[in-house]
Amino acid sequence: MTDTVYKIVPEALWREAKQKGVFDGAEIDHRDGYIHFSTADQARETAKLHFAGLTGLLLVAVNTPVLGEALKFEPSRGGDLFPHLYGTLPLSAVLWEMPLLIGVDGQHAFPEKMT
């Protein structure tokens, strides 16, 4: 479907993952049994719905081909297909990470082009 998916993650949790060498998810991921991701088109809405006003977040871009069949696109919000990773996220799949700051409009500021 897409070669890149995105994870919004608290910076402290991401630091822990980097120390361990693998990301096994946030609390909601553990509860649901998979790691939630968003496509580029879904990421802004995910930030609005689940991270509104929160600071100390990172936007992490992940190379989907590295994840193989553990990544499934499944119906979720409004019937959209969302990427869910059944397993841990190897840090070798990470393309880049950047702070997800809040802009003057009060919304998280995403890069213009997400690849």
PDB file of N, CA and C in Angstrom:
ATOM      1  N   MET A   1       0.808  -1.195   0.000  1.00  0.00           N
ATOM      2  CA  MET A   1       0.000   0.000   0.000  1.00  0.00           C
ATOM      3  C   MET A   1       0.857   1.267   0.000  1.00  0.00           C
ATOM      4  N   THR A   2       1.757   1.354   0.937  1.00  0.00           N
ATOM      5  CA  THR A   2       2.644   2.507   1.033  1.00  0.00           C
ATOM      6  C   THR A   2       3.990   2.045   1.571  1.00  0.00           C
ATOM      7  N   ASP A   3       5.039   2.702   1.167  1.00  0.00           N
ATOM      8  CA  ASP A   3       6.375   2.302   1.625  1.00  0.00           C
ATOM      9  C   ASP A   3       6.761   2.904   2.961  1.00  0.00           C
ATOM     10  N   THR A   4       5.957   3.876   3.454  1.00  0.00           N
ATOM     11  CA  THR A   4       6.278   4.538   4.721  1.00  0.00           C
ATOM     12  C   THR A   4       5.007   4.687   5.555  1.00  0.00           C
ATOM     13  N   VAL A   5       5.106   4.340   6.830  1.00  0.00           N
ATOM     14  CA  VAL A   5       4.049   4.605   7.801  1.00  0.00           C
ATOM     15  C   VAL A   5       4.668   5.380   8.949  1.00  0.00           C
ATOM     16  N   TYR A   6       3.805   5.946   9.798  1.00  0.00           N
ATOM     17  CA  TYR A   6       4.258   6.871  10.832  1.00  0.00           C
ATOM     18  C   TYR A   6       3.703   6.482  12.194  1.00  0.00           C
ATOM     19  N   LYS A   7       4.543   6.698  13.190  1.00  0.00           N
ATOM     20  CA  LYS A   7       4.156   6.458  14.584  1.00  0.00           C
ATOM     21  C   LYS A   7       4.396   7.738  15.361  1.00  0.00           C
ATOM     22  N   ILE A   8       3.391   8.180  16.087  1.00  0.00           N
ATOM     23  CA  ILE A   8       3.538   9.297  17.017  1.00  0.00           C
ATOM     24  C   ILE A   8       3.808   8.667  18.379  1.00  0.00           C
ATOM     25  N   VAL A   9       4.919   9.055  18.973  1.00  0.00           N
ATOM     26  CA  VAL A   9       5.348   8.381  20.197  1.00  0.00           C
ATOM     27  C   VAL A   9       5.964   9.393  21.168  1.00  0.00           C
ATOM     28  N   PRO A  10       5.673   9.256  22.460  1.00  0.00           N
ATOM     29  CA  PRO A  10       6.329  10.119  23.440  1.00  0.00           C
ATOM     30  C   PRO A  10       7.848   9.945  23.380  1.00  0.00           C
ATOM     31  N   GLU A  11       8.549  11.046  23.455  1.00  0.00           N
ATOM     32  CA  GLU A  11      10.012  11.025  23.334  1.00  0.00           C
ATOM     33  C   GLU A  11      10.660  10.112  24.366  1.00  0.00           C
ATOM     34  N   ALA A  12      10.172  10.127  25.602  1.00  0.00           N
ATOM     35  CA  ALA A  12      10.767   9.290  26.655  1.00  0.00           C
ATOM     36  C   ALA A  12      10.612   7.808  26.329  1.00  0.00           C
ATOM     37  N   LEU A  13       9.469   7.428  25.799  1.00  0.00           N
ATOM     38  CA  LEU A  13       9.241   6.030  25.431  1.00  0.00           C
ATOM     39  C   LEU A  13      10.148   5.627  24.266  1.00  0.00           C
ATOM     40  N   TRP A  14      10.369   6.550  23.342  1.00  0.00           N
ATOM     41  CA  TRP A  14      11.242   6.266  22.202  1.00  0.00           C
ATOM     42  C   TRP A  14      12.696   6.114  22.657  1.00  0.00           C
ATOM     43  N   ARG A  15      13.114   6.934  23.625  1.00  0.00           N
ATOM     44  CA  ARG A  15      14.470   6.802  24.167  1.00  0.00           C
ATOM     45  C   ARG A  15      14.669   5.412  24.775  1.00  0.00           C
ATOM     46  N   GLU A  16      13.661   4.931  25.494  1.00  0.00           N
ATOM     47  CA  GLU A  16      13.736   3.580  26.077  1.00  0.00           C
ATOM     48  C   GLU A  16      13.884   2.532  24.982  1.00  0.00           C
ATOM     49  N   ALA A  17      13.119   2.698  23.903  1.00  0.00           N
ATOM     50  CA  ALA A  17      13.186   1.740  22.794  1.00  0.00           C
ATOM     51  C   ALA A  17      14.581   1.738  22.184  1.00  0.00           C
ATOM     52  N   LYS A  18      15.165   2.911  22.039  1.00  0.00           N
ATOM     53  CA  LYS A  18      16.497   2.991  21.451  1.00  0.00           C
ATOM     54  C   LYS A  18      17.527   2.304  22.344  1.00  0.00           C
ATOM     55  N   GLN A  19      17.344   2.381  23.644  1.00  0.00           N
ATOM     56  CA  GLN A  19      18.254   1.688  24.558  1.00  0.00           C
ATOM     57  C   GLN A  19      18.103   0.178  24.444  1.00  0.00           C
ATOM     58  N   LYS A  20      16.856  -0.279  24.250  1.00  0.00           N
ATOM     59  CA  LYS A  20      16.583  -1.716  24.124  1.00  0.00           C
ATOM     60  C   LYS A  20      16.890  -2.238  22.725  1.00  0.00           C
ATOM     61  N   GLY A  21      16.896  -1.330  21.751  1.00  0.00           N
ATOM     62  CA  GLY A  21      17.147  -1.741  20.373  1.00  0.00           C
ATOM     63  C   GLY A  21      15.907  -2.165  19.612  1.00  0.00           C
ATOM     64  N   VAL A  22      14.743  -2.045  20.255  1.00  0.00           N
ATOM     65  CA  VAL A  22      13.479  -2.434  19.631  1.00  0.00           C
ATOM     66  C   VAL A  22      12.340  -1.662  20.309  1.00  0.00           C
ATOM     67  N   PHE A  23      11.304  -1.351  19.537  1.00  0.00           N
ATOM     68  CA  PHE A  23      10.126  -0.671  20.083  1.00  0.00           C
ATOM     69  C   PHE A  23       8.996  -1.690  20.156  1.00  0.00           C
ATOM     70  N   ASP A  24       8.489  -1.901  21.374  1.00  0.00           N
ATOM     71  CA  ASP A  24       7.414  -2.891  21.515  1.00  0.00           C
ATOM     72  C   ASP A  24       6.055  -2.251  21.736  1.00  0.00           C
ATOM     73  N   GLY A  25       5.979  -0.930  21.577  1.00  0.00           N
ATOM     74  CA  GLY A  25       4.690  -0.256  21.609  1.00  0.00           C
ATOM     75  C   GLY A  25       4.448   0.584  22.841  1.00  0.00           C
ATOM     76  N   ALA A  26       3.425   1.411  22.718  1.00  0.00           N
ATOM     77  CA  ALA A  26       2.947   2.246  23.810  1.00  0.00           C
ATOM     78  C   ALA A  26       1.836   1.482  24.543  1.00  0.00           C
ATOM     79  N   GLU A  27       1.298   2.074  25.582  1.00  0.00           N
ATOM     80  CA  GLU A  27       0.272   1.405  26.382  1.00  0.00           C
ATOM     81  C   GLU A  27      -0.920   0.956  25.526  1.00  0.00           C
ATOM     82  N   ILE A  28      -1.392   1.826  24.639  1.00  0.00           N
ATOM     83  CA  ILE A  28      -2.540   1.462  23.790  1.00  0.00           C
ATOM     84  C   ILE A  28      -2.201   0.297  22.865  1.00  0.00           C
ATOM     85  N   ASP A  29      -0.950   0.244  22.404  1.00  0.00           N
ATOM     86  CA  ASP A  29      -0.519  -0.856  21.539  1.00  0.00           C
ATOM     87  C   ASP A  29      -0.542  -2.180  22.299  1.00  0.00           C
ATOM     88  N   HIS A  30      -0.050  -2.141  23.521  1.00  0.00           N
ATOM     89  CA  HIS A  30      -0.041  -3.351  24.355  1.00  0.00           C
ATOM     90  C   HIS A  30      -1.473  -3.823  24.594  1.00  0.00           C
ATOM     91  N   ARG A  31      -2.353  -2.876  24.880  1.00  0.00           N
ATOM     92  CA  ARG A  31      -3.752  -3.200  25.156  1.00  0.00           C
ATOM     93  C   ARG A  31      -4.440  -3.811  23.925  1.00  0.00           C
ATOM     94  N   ASP A  32      -4.154  -3.261  22.743  1.00  0.00           N
ATOM     95  CA  ASP A  32      -4.829  -3.716  21.523  1.00  0.00           C
ATOM     96  C   ASP A  32      -4.156  -4.917  20.860  1.00  0.00           C
ATOM     97  N   GLY A  33      -2.922  -5.211  21.234  1.00  0.00           N
ATOM     98  CA  GLY A  33      -2.247  -6.387  20.697  1.00  0.00           C
ATOM     99  C   GLY A  33      -1.485  -6.152  19.403  1.00  0.00           C
ATOM    100  N   TYR A  34      -1.312  -4.899  19.028  1.00  0.00           N
ATOM    101  CA  TYR A  34      -0.526  -4.545  17.846  1.00  0.00           C
ATOM    102  C   TYR A  34      -0.080  -3.097  17.985  1.00  0.00           C
ATOM    103  N   ILE A  35       0.938  -2.719  17.210  1.00  0.00           N
ATOM    104  CA  ILE A  35       1.428  -1.345  17.233  1.00  0.00           C
ATOM    105  C   ILE A  35       0.663  -0.553  16.178  1.00  0.00           C
ATOM    106  N   HIS A  36       0.035   0.522  16.634  1.00  0.00           N
ATOM    107  CA  HIS A  36      -0.735   1.400  15.751  1.00  0.00           C
ATOM    108  C   HIS A  36       0.199   2.305  14.948  1.00  0.00           C
ATOM    109  N   PHE A  37      -0.052   2.407  13.664  1.00  0.00           N
ATOM    110  CA  PHE A  37       0.639   3.353  12.792  1.00  0.00           C
ATOM    111  C   PHE A  37      -0.408   4.135  12.014  1.00  0.00           C
ATOM    112  N   SER A  38       0.046   5.155  11.321  1.00  0.00           N
ATOM    113  CA  SER A  38      -0.807   5.936  10.424  1.00  0.00           C
ATOM    114  C   SER A  38      -0.080   6.112   9.105  1.00  0.00           C
ATOM    115  N   THR A  39      -0.854   6.269   8.043  1.00  0.00           N
ATOM    116  CA  THR A  39      -0.266   6.670   6.770  1.00  0.00           C
ATOM    117  C   THR A  39      -0.045   8.176   6.817  1.00  0.00           C
ATOM    118  N   ALA A  40       0.617   8.717   5.813  1.00  0.00           N
ATOM    119  CA  ALA A  40       0.841  10.166   5.759  1.00  0.00           C
ATOM    120  C   ALA A  40      -0.483  10.917   5.795  1.00  0.00           C
ATOM    121  N   ASP A  41      -1.492  10.408   5.094  1.00  0.00           N
ATOM    122  CA  ASP A  41      -2.796  11.075   5.055  1.00  0.00           C
ATOM    123  C   ASP A  41      -3.548  10.978   6.380  1.00  0.00           C
ATOM    124  N   GLN A  42      -3.244   9.995   7.195  1.00  0.00           N
ATOM    125  CA  GLN A  42      -3.958   9.767   8.452  1.00  0.00           C
ATOM    126  C   GLN A  42      -3.288  10.399   9.669  1.00  0.00           C
ATOM    127  N   ALA A  43      -2.016  10.733   9.572  1.00  0.00           N
ATOM    128  CA  ALA A  43      -1.231  11.131  10.747  1.00  0.00           C
ATOM    129  C   ALA A  43      -1.754  12.398  11.430  1.00  0.00           C
ATOM    130  N   ARG A  44      -2.146  13.402  10.667  1.00  0.00           N
ATOM    131  CA  ARG A  44      -2.636  14.646  11.274  1.00  0.00           C
ATOM    132  C   ARG A  44      -3.915  14.408  12.083  1.00  0.00           C
ATOM    133  N   GLU A  45      -4.821  13.625  11.532  1.00  0.00           N
ATOM    134  CA  GLU A  45      -6.066  13.323  12.243  1.00  0.00           C
ATOM    135  C   GLU A  45      -5.780  12.488  13.494  1.00  0.00           C
ATOM    136  N   THR A  46      -4.843  11.562  13.401  1.00  0.00           N
ATOM    137  CA  THR A  46      -4.442  10.779  14.571  1.00  0.00           C
ATOM    138  C   THR A  46      -3.917  11.705  15.667  1.00  0.00           C
ATOM    139  N   ALA A  47      -3.094  12.673  15.286  1.00  0.00           N
ATOM    140  CA  ALA A  47      -2.555  13.624  16.266  1.00  0.00           C
ATOM    141  C   ALA A  47      -3.684  14.417  16.918  1.00  0.00           C
ATOM    142  N   LYS A  48      -4.635  14.870  16.123  1.00  0.00           N
ATOM    143  CA  LYS A  48      -5.766  15.653  16.660  1.00  0.00           C
ATOM    144  C   LYS A  48      -6.602  14.836  17.627  1.00  0.00           C
ATOM    145  N   LEU A  49      -6.884  13.601  17.265  1.00  0.00           N
ATOM    146  CA  LEU A  49      -7.781  12.770  18.075  1.00  0.00           C
ATOM    147  C   LEU A  49      -7.127  12.204  19.325  1.00  0.00           C
ATOM    148  N   HIS A  50      -5.860  11.839  19.234  1.00  0.00           N
ATOM    149  CA  HIS A  50      -5.235  11.098  20.336  1.00  0.00           C
ATOM    150  C   HIS A  50      -4.107  11.829  21.063  1.00  0.00           C
ATOM    151  N   PHE A  51      -3.611  12.934  20.483  1.00  0.00           N
ATOM    152  CA  PHE A  51      -2.458  13.610  21.077  1.00  0.00           C
ATOM    153  C   PHE A  51      -2.647  15.118  21.186  1.00  0.00           C
ATOM    154  N   ALA A  52      -3.881  15.596  21.099  1.00  0.00           N
ATOM    155  CA  ALA A  52      -4.154  17.035  21.097  1.00  0.00           C
ATOM    156  C   ALA A  52      -3.511  17.724  22.302  1.00  0.00           C
ATOM    157  N   GLY A  53      -2.730  18.764  22.016  1.00  0.00           N
ATOM    158  CA  GLY A  53      -2.117  19.571  23.060  1.00  0.00           C
ATOM    159  C   GLY A  53      -0.918  18.950  23.744  1.00  0.00           C
ATOM    160  N   LEU A  54      -0.592  17.720  23.427  1.00  0.00           N
ATOM    161  CA  LEU A  54       0.530  17.058  24.096  1.00  0.00           C
ATOM    162  C   LEU A  54       1.862  17.478  23.480  1.00  0.00           C
ATOM    163  N   THR A  55       2.829  17.696  24.340  1.00  0.00           N
ATOM    164  CA  THR A  55       4.178  18.024  23.901  1.00  0.00           C
ATOM    165  C   THR A  55       5.095  16.839  24.204  1.00  0.00           C
ATOM    166  N   GLY A  56       6.353  16.944  23.782  1.00  0.00           N
ATOM    167  CA  GLY A  56       7.306  15.868  24.049  1.00  0.00           C
ATOM    168  C   GLY A  56       7.079  14.651  23.171  1.00  0.00           C
ATOM    169  N   LEU A  57       6.532  14.886  21.970  1.00  0.00           N
ATOM    170  CA  LEU A  57       6.254  13.786  21.056  1.00  0.00           C
ATOM    171  C   LEU A  57       7.235  13.765  19.900  1.00  0.00           C
ATOM    172  N   LEU A  58       7.405  12.591  19.328  1.00  0.00           N
ATOM    173  CA  LEU A  58       8.201  12.430  18.117  1.00  0.00           C
ATOM    174  C   LEU A  58       7.320  11.842  17.023  1.00  0.00           C
ATOM    175  N   LEU A  59       7.636  12.207  15.793  1.00  0.00           N
ATOM    176  CA  LEU A  59       7.053  11.568  14.629  1.00  0.00           C
ATOM    177  C   LEU A  59       8.136  10.653  14.071  1.00  0.00           C
ATOM    178  N   VAL A  60       7.822   9.369  13.979  1.00  0.00           N
ATOM    179  CA  VAL A  60       8.788   8.372  13.532  1.00  0.00           C
ATOM    180  C   VAL A  60       8.298   7.789  12.204  1.00  0.00           C
ATOM    181  N   ALA A  61       9.149   7.852  11.182  1.00  0.00           N
ATOM    182  CA  ALA A  61       8.831   7.297   9.868  1.00  0.00           C
ATOM    183  C   ALA A  61       9.432   5.902   9.761  1.00  0.00           C
ATOM    184  N   VAL A  62       8.633   4.959   9.288  1.00  0.00           N
ATOM    185  CA  VAL A  62       9.038   3.559   9.249  1.00  0.00           C
ATOM    186  C   VAL A  62       8.912   3.010   7.823  1.00  0.00           C
ATOM    187  N   ASN A  63       9.934   2.297   7.407  1.00  0.00           N
ATOM    188  CA  ASN A  63      10.001   1.674   6.091  1.00  0.00           C
ATOM    189  C   ASN A  63       9.186   0.382   6.117  1.00  0.00           C
ATOM    190  N   THR A  64       8.021   0.382   5.466  1.00  0.00           N
ATOM    191  CA  THR A  64       7.117  -0.769   5.568  1.00  0.00           C
ATOM    192  C   THR A  64       7.649  -2.059   4.955  1.00  0.00           C
ATOM    193  N   PRO A  65       8.399  -2.037   3.845  1.00  0.00           N
ATOM    194  CA  PRO A  65       8.876  -3.318   3.303  1.00  0.00           C
ATOM    195  C   PRO A  65       9.711  -4.125   4.304  1.00  0.00           C
ATOM    196  N   VAL A  66      10.404  -3.453   5.211  1.00  0.00           N
ATOM    197  CA  VAL A  66      11.229  -4.145   6.211  1.00  0.00           C
ATOM    198  C   VAL A  66      10.352  -4.953   7.176  1.00  0.00           C
ATOM    199  N   LEU A  67       9.116  -4.510   7.374  1.00  0.00           N
ATOM    200  CA  LEU A  67       8.234  -5.146   8.349  1.00  0.00           C
ATOM    201  C   LEU A  67       7.595  -6.427   7.828  1.00  0.00           C
ATOM    202  N   GLY A  68       7.553  -6.568   6.521  1.00  0.00           N
ATOM    203  CA  GLY A  68       7.015  -7.790   5.934  1.00  0.00           C
ATOM    204  C   GLY A  68       5.546  -8.016   6.257  1.00  0.00           C
ATOM    205  N   GLU A  69       5.197  -9.285   6.413  1.00  0.00           N
ATOM    206  CA  GLU A  69       3.796  -9.654   6.601  1.00  0.00           C
ATOM    207  C   GLU A  69       3.271  -9.377   8.002  1.00  0.00           C
ATOM    208  N   ALA A  70       4.129  -8.937   8.914  1.00  0.00           N
ATOM    209  CA  ALA A  70       3.666  -8.572  10.255  1.00  0.00           C
ATOM    210  C   ALA A  70       2.853  -7.283  10.228  1.00  0.00           C
ATOM    211  N   LEU A  71       2.988  -6.496   9.147  1.00  0.00           N
ATOM    212  CA  LEU A  71       2.229  -5.256   9.001  1.00  0.00           C
ATOM    213  C   LEU A  71       0.968  -5.544   8.202  1.00  0.00           C
ATOM    214  N   LYS A  72      -0.160  -5.262   8.824  1.00  0.00           N
ATOM    215  CA  LYS A  72      -1.467  -5.483   8.199  1.00  0.00           C
ATOM    216  C   LYS A  72      -2.208  -4.155   8.107  1.00  0.00           C
ATOM    217  N   PHE A  73      -2.897  -3.930   6.988  1.00  0.00           N
ATOM    218  CA  PHE A  73      -3.760  -2.766   6.842  1.00  0.00           C
ATOM    219  C   PHE A  73      -5.184  -3.225   7.110  1.00  0.00           C
ATOM    220  N   GLU A  74      -5.761  -2.692   8.197  1.00  0.00           N
ATOM    221  CA  GLU A  74      -7.060  -3.166   8.659  1.00  0.00           C
ATOM    222  C   GLU A  74      -8.036  -2.004   8.834  1.00  0.00           C
ATOM    223  N   PRO A  75      -9.339  -2.269   8.630  1.00  0.00           N
ATOM    224  CA  PRO A  75     -10.337  -1.203   8.794  1.00  0.00           C
ATOM    225  C   PRO A  75     -10.352  -0.675  10.221  1.00  0.00           C
ATOM    226  N   SER A  76     -10.463   0.626  10.321  1.00  0.00           N
ATOM    227  CA  SER A  76     -10.526   1.278  11.623  1.00  0.00           C
ATOM    228  C   SER A  76     -11.391   2.514  11.474  1.00  0.00           C
ATOM    229  N   ARG A  77     -10.948   3.619  11.998  1.00  0.00           N
ATOM    230  CA  ARG A  77     -11.689   4.871  12.025  1.00  0.00           C
ATOM    231  C   ARG A  77     -12.354   5.179  10.681  1.00  0.00           C
ATOM    232  N   GLY A  78     -13.664   5.228  10.671  1.00  0.00           N
ATOM    233  CA  GLY A  78     -14.398   5.580   9.463  1.00  0.00           C
ATOM    234  C   GLY A  78     -14.230   4.595   8.326  1.00  0.00           C
ATOM    235  N   GLY A  79     -13.789   3.382   8.615  1.00  0.00           N
ATOM    236  CA  GLY A  79     -13.596   2.390   7.576  1.00  0.00           C
ATOM    237  C   GLY A  79     -12.262   2.495   6.851  1.00  0.00           C
ATOM    238  N   ASP A  80     -11.454   3.525   7.181  1.00  0.00           N
ATOM    239  CA  ASP A  80     -10.126   3.647   6.576  1.00  0.00           C
ATOM    240  C   ASP A  80      -9.267   2.449   6.972  1.00  0.00           C
ATOM    241  N   LEU A  81      -8.368   2.081   6.077  1.00  0.00           N
ATOM    242  CA  LEU A  81      -7.417   1.011   6.386  1.00  0.00           C
ATOM    243  C   LEU A  81      -6.212   1.616   7.090  1.00  0.00           C
ATOM    244  N   PHE A  82      -5.979   1.164   8.318  1.00  0.00           N
ATOM    245  CA  PHE A  82      -4.857   1.648   9.109  1.00  0.00           C
ATOM    246  C   PHE A  82      -3.806   0.560   9.235  1.00  0.00           C
ATOM    247  N   PRO A  83      -2.520   0.955   9.226  1.00  0.00           N
ATOM    248  CA  PRO A  83      -1.453  -0.025   9.388  1.00  0.00           C
ATOM    249  C   PRO A  83      -1.281  -0.440  10.850  1.00  0.00           C
ATOM    250  N   HIS A  84      -1.285  -1.743  11.068  1.00  0.00           N
ATOM    251  CA  HIS A  84      -1.094  -2.323  12.399  1.00  0.00           C
ATOM    252  C   HIS A  84       0.050  -3.331  12.310  1.00  0.00           C
ATOM    253  N   LEU A  85       1.001  -3.202  13.213  1.00  0.00           N
ATOM    254  CA  LEU A  85       2.141  -4.115  13.245  1.00  0.00           C
ATOM    255  C   LEU A  85       1.941  -5.149  14.338  1.00  0.00           C
ATOM    256  N   TYR A  86       1.873  -6.407  13.931  1.00  0.00           N
ATOM    257  CA  TYR A  86       1.743  -7.513  14.870  1.00  0.00           C
ATOM    258  C   TYR A  86       3.144  -8.032  15.171  1.00  0.00           C
ATOM    259  N   GLY A  87       3.727  -7.455  16.185  1.00  0.00           N
ATOM    260  CA  GLY A  87       5.091  -7.784  16.578  1.00  0.00           C
ATOM    261  C   GLY A  87       5.790  -6.515  17.014  1.00  0.00           C
ATOM    262  N   THR A  88       7.065  -6.625  17.243  1.00  0.00           N
ATOM    263  CA  THR A  88       7.841  -5.461  17.658  1.00  0.00           C
ATOM    264  C   THR A  88       8.389  -4.723  16.437  1.00  0.00           C
ATOM    265  N   LEU A  89       8.712  -3.468  16.645  1.00  0.00           N
ATOM    266  CA  LEU A  89       9.274  -2.642  15.575  1.00  0.00           C
ATOM    267  C   LEU A  89      10.794  -2.655  15.697  1.00  0.00           C
ATOM    268  N   PRO A  90      11.488  -3.288  14.744  1.00  0.00           N
ATOM    269  CA  PRO A  90      12.948  -3.232  14.777  1.00  0.00           C
ATOM    270  C   PRO A  90      13.410  -1.825  14.395  1.00  0.00           C
ATOM    271  N   LEU A  91      14.351  -1.295  15.126  1.00  0.00           N
ATOM    272  CA  LEU A  91      14.808   0.069  14.847  1.00  0.00           C
ATOM    273  C   LEU A  91      15.474   0.177  13.482  1.00  0.00           C
ATOM    274  N   SER A  92      15.879  -0.954  12.918  1.00  0.00           N
ATOM    275  CA  SER A  92      16.458  -0.940  11.578  1.00  0.00           C
ATOM    276  C   SER A  92      15.436  -0.540  10.521  1.00  0.00           C
ATOM    277  N   ALA A  93      14.151  -0.577  10.860  1.00  0.00           N
ATOM    278  CA  ALA A  93      13.094  -0.188   9.929  1.00  0.00           C
ATOM    279  C   ALA A  93      12.811   1.311   9.961  1.00  0.00           C
ATOM    280  N   VAL A  94      13.401   2.013  10.913  1.00  0.00           N
ATOM    281  CA  VAL A  94      13.129   3.446  11.070  1.00  0.00           C
ATOM    282  C   VAL A  94      13.928   4.249  10.044  1.00  0.00           C
ATOM    283  N   LEU A  95      13.210   5.074   9.295  1.00  0.00           N
ATOM    284  CA  LEU A  95      13.836   5.938   8.288  1.00  0.00           C
ATOM    285  C   LEU A  95      14.338   7.230   8.911  1.00  0.00           C
ATOM    286  N   TRP A  96      13.503   7.831   9.764  1.00  0.00           N
ATOM    287  CA  TRP A  96      13.873   9.066  10.458  1.00  0.00           C
ATOM    288  C   TRP A  96      12.909   9.302  11.608  1.00  0.00           C
ATOM    289  N   GLU A  97      13.322  10.216  12.466  1.00  0.00           N
ATOM    290  CA  GLU A  97      12.467  10.669  13.574  1.00  0.00           C
ATOM    291  C   GLU A  97      12.651  12.165  13.712  1.00  0.00           C
ATOM    292  N   MET A  98      11.603  12.852  14.154  1.00  0.00           N
ATOM    293  CA  MET A  98      11.687  14.297  14.346  1.00  0.00           C
ATOM    294  C   MET A  98      10.718  14.714  15.447  1.00  0.00           C
ATOM    295  N   PRO A  99      11.050  15.802  16.156  1.00  0.00           N
ATOM    296  CA  PRO A  99      10.115  16.306  17.158  1.00  0.00           C
ATOM    297  C   PRO A  99       8.809  16.722  16.492  1.00  0.00           C
ATOM    298  N   LEU A 100       7.698  16.416  17.139  1.00  0.00           N
ATOM    299  CA  LEU A 100       6.383  16.817  16.652  1.00  0.00           C
ATOM    300  C   LEU A 100       5.920  17.972  17.533  1.00  0.00           C
ATOM    301  N   LEU A 101       6.262  19.167  17.088  1.00  0.00           N
ATOM    302  CA  LEU A 101       6.008  20.371  17.867  1.00  0.00           C
ATOM    303  C   LEU A 101       4.598  20.897  17.603  1.00  0.00           C
ATOM    304  N   ILE A 102       4.125  21.736  18.507  1.00  0.00           N
ATOM    305  CA  ILE A 102       2.819  22.366  18.341  1.00  0.00           C
ATOM    306  C   ILE A 102       3.037  23.734  17.706  1.00  0.00           C
ATOM    307  N   GLY A 103       2.311  23.972  16.605  1.00  0.00           N
ATOM    308  CA  GLY A 103       2.430  25.227  15.874  1.00  0.00           C
ATOM    309  C   GLY A 103       1.622  26.346  16.512  1.00  0.00           C
ATOM    310  N   VAL A 104       1.709  27.529  15.934  1.00  0.00           N
ATOM    311  CA  VAL A 104       1.002  28.699  16.460  1.00  0.00           C
ATOM    312  C   VAL A 104      -0.514  28.507  16.432  1.00  0.00           C
ATOM    313  N   ASP A 105      -0.998  27.614  15.572  1.00  0.00           N
ATOM    314  CA  ASP A 105      -2.436  27.351  15.486  1.00  0.00           C
ATOM    315  C   ASP A 105      -2.911  26.351  16.543  1.00  0.00           C
ATOM    316  N   GLY A 106      -1.986  25.869  17.386  1.00  0.00           N
ATOM    317  CA  GLY A 106      -2.342  24.921  18.429  1.00  0.00           C
ATOM    318  C   GLY A 106      -2.360  23.470  17.970  1.00  0.00           C
ATOM    319  N   GLN A 107      -2.091  23.241  16.684  1.00  0.00           N
ATOM    320  CA  GLN A 107      -2.053  21.884  16.133  1.00  0.00           C
ATOM    321  C   GLN A 107      -0.597  21.433  15.993  1.00  0.00           C
ATOM    322  N   HIS A 108      -0.391  20.143  15.973  1.00  0.00           N
ATOM    323  CA  HIS A 108       0.957  19.635  15.748  1.00  0.00           C
ATOM    324  C   HIS A 108       1.406  19.995  14.340  1.00  0.00           C
ATOM    325  N   ALA A 109       2.673  20.378  14.223  1.00  0.00           N
ATOM    326  CA  ALA A 109       3.250  20.823  12.951  1.00  0.00           C
ATOM    327  C   ALA A 109       3.958  19.645  12.292  1.00  0.00           C
ATOM    328  N   PHE A 110       3.367  19.159  11.208  1.00  0.00           N
ATOM    329  CA  PHE A 110       3.933  18.061  10.443  1.00  0.00           C
ATOM    330  C   PHE A 110       4.774  18.615   9.299  1.00  0.00           C
ATOM    331  N   PRO A 111       5.746  17.840   8.837  1.00  0.00           N
ATOM    332  CA  PRO A 111       6.499  18.288   7.665  1.00  0.00           C
ATOM    333  C   PRO A 111       5.568  18.365   6.462  1.00  0.00           C
ATOM    334  N   GLU A 112       5.853  19.313   5.556  1.00  0.00           N
ATOM    335  CA  GLU A 112       4.996  19.475   4.376  1.00  0.00           C
ATOM    336  C   GLU A 112       4.932  18.210   3.553  1.00  0.00           C
ATOM    337  N   LYS A 113       6.072  17.607   3.328  1.00  0.00           N
ATOM    338  CA  LYS A 113       6.119  16.370   2.552  1.00  0.00           C
ATOM    339  C   LYS A 113       6.611  15.260   3.461  1.00  0.00           C
ATOM    340  N   MET A 114       5.778  14.268   3.658  1.00  0.00           N
ATOM    341  CA  MET A 114       6.157  13.148   4.501  1.00  0.00           C
ATOM    342  C   MET A 114       6.487  11.967   3.611  1.00  0.00           C
ATOM    343  N   THR A 115       7.757  11.524   3.672  1.00  0.00           N
ATOM    344  CA  THR A 115       8.177  10.364   2.885  1.00  0.00           C
ATOM    345  C   THR A 115       8.932   9.399   3.751  1.00  0.00           C
TER     346      THR A 115
END
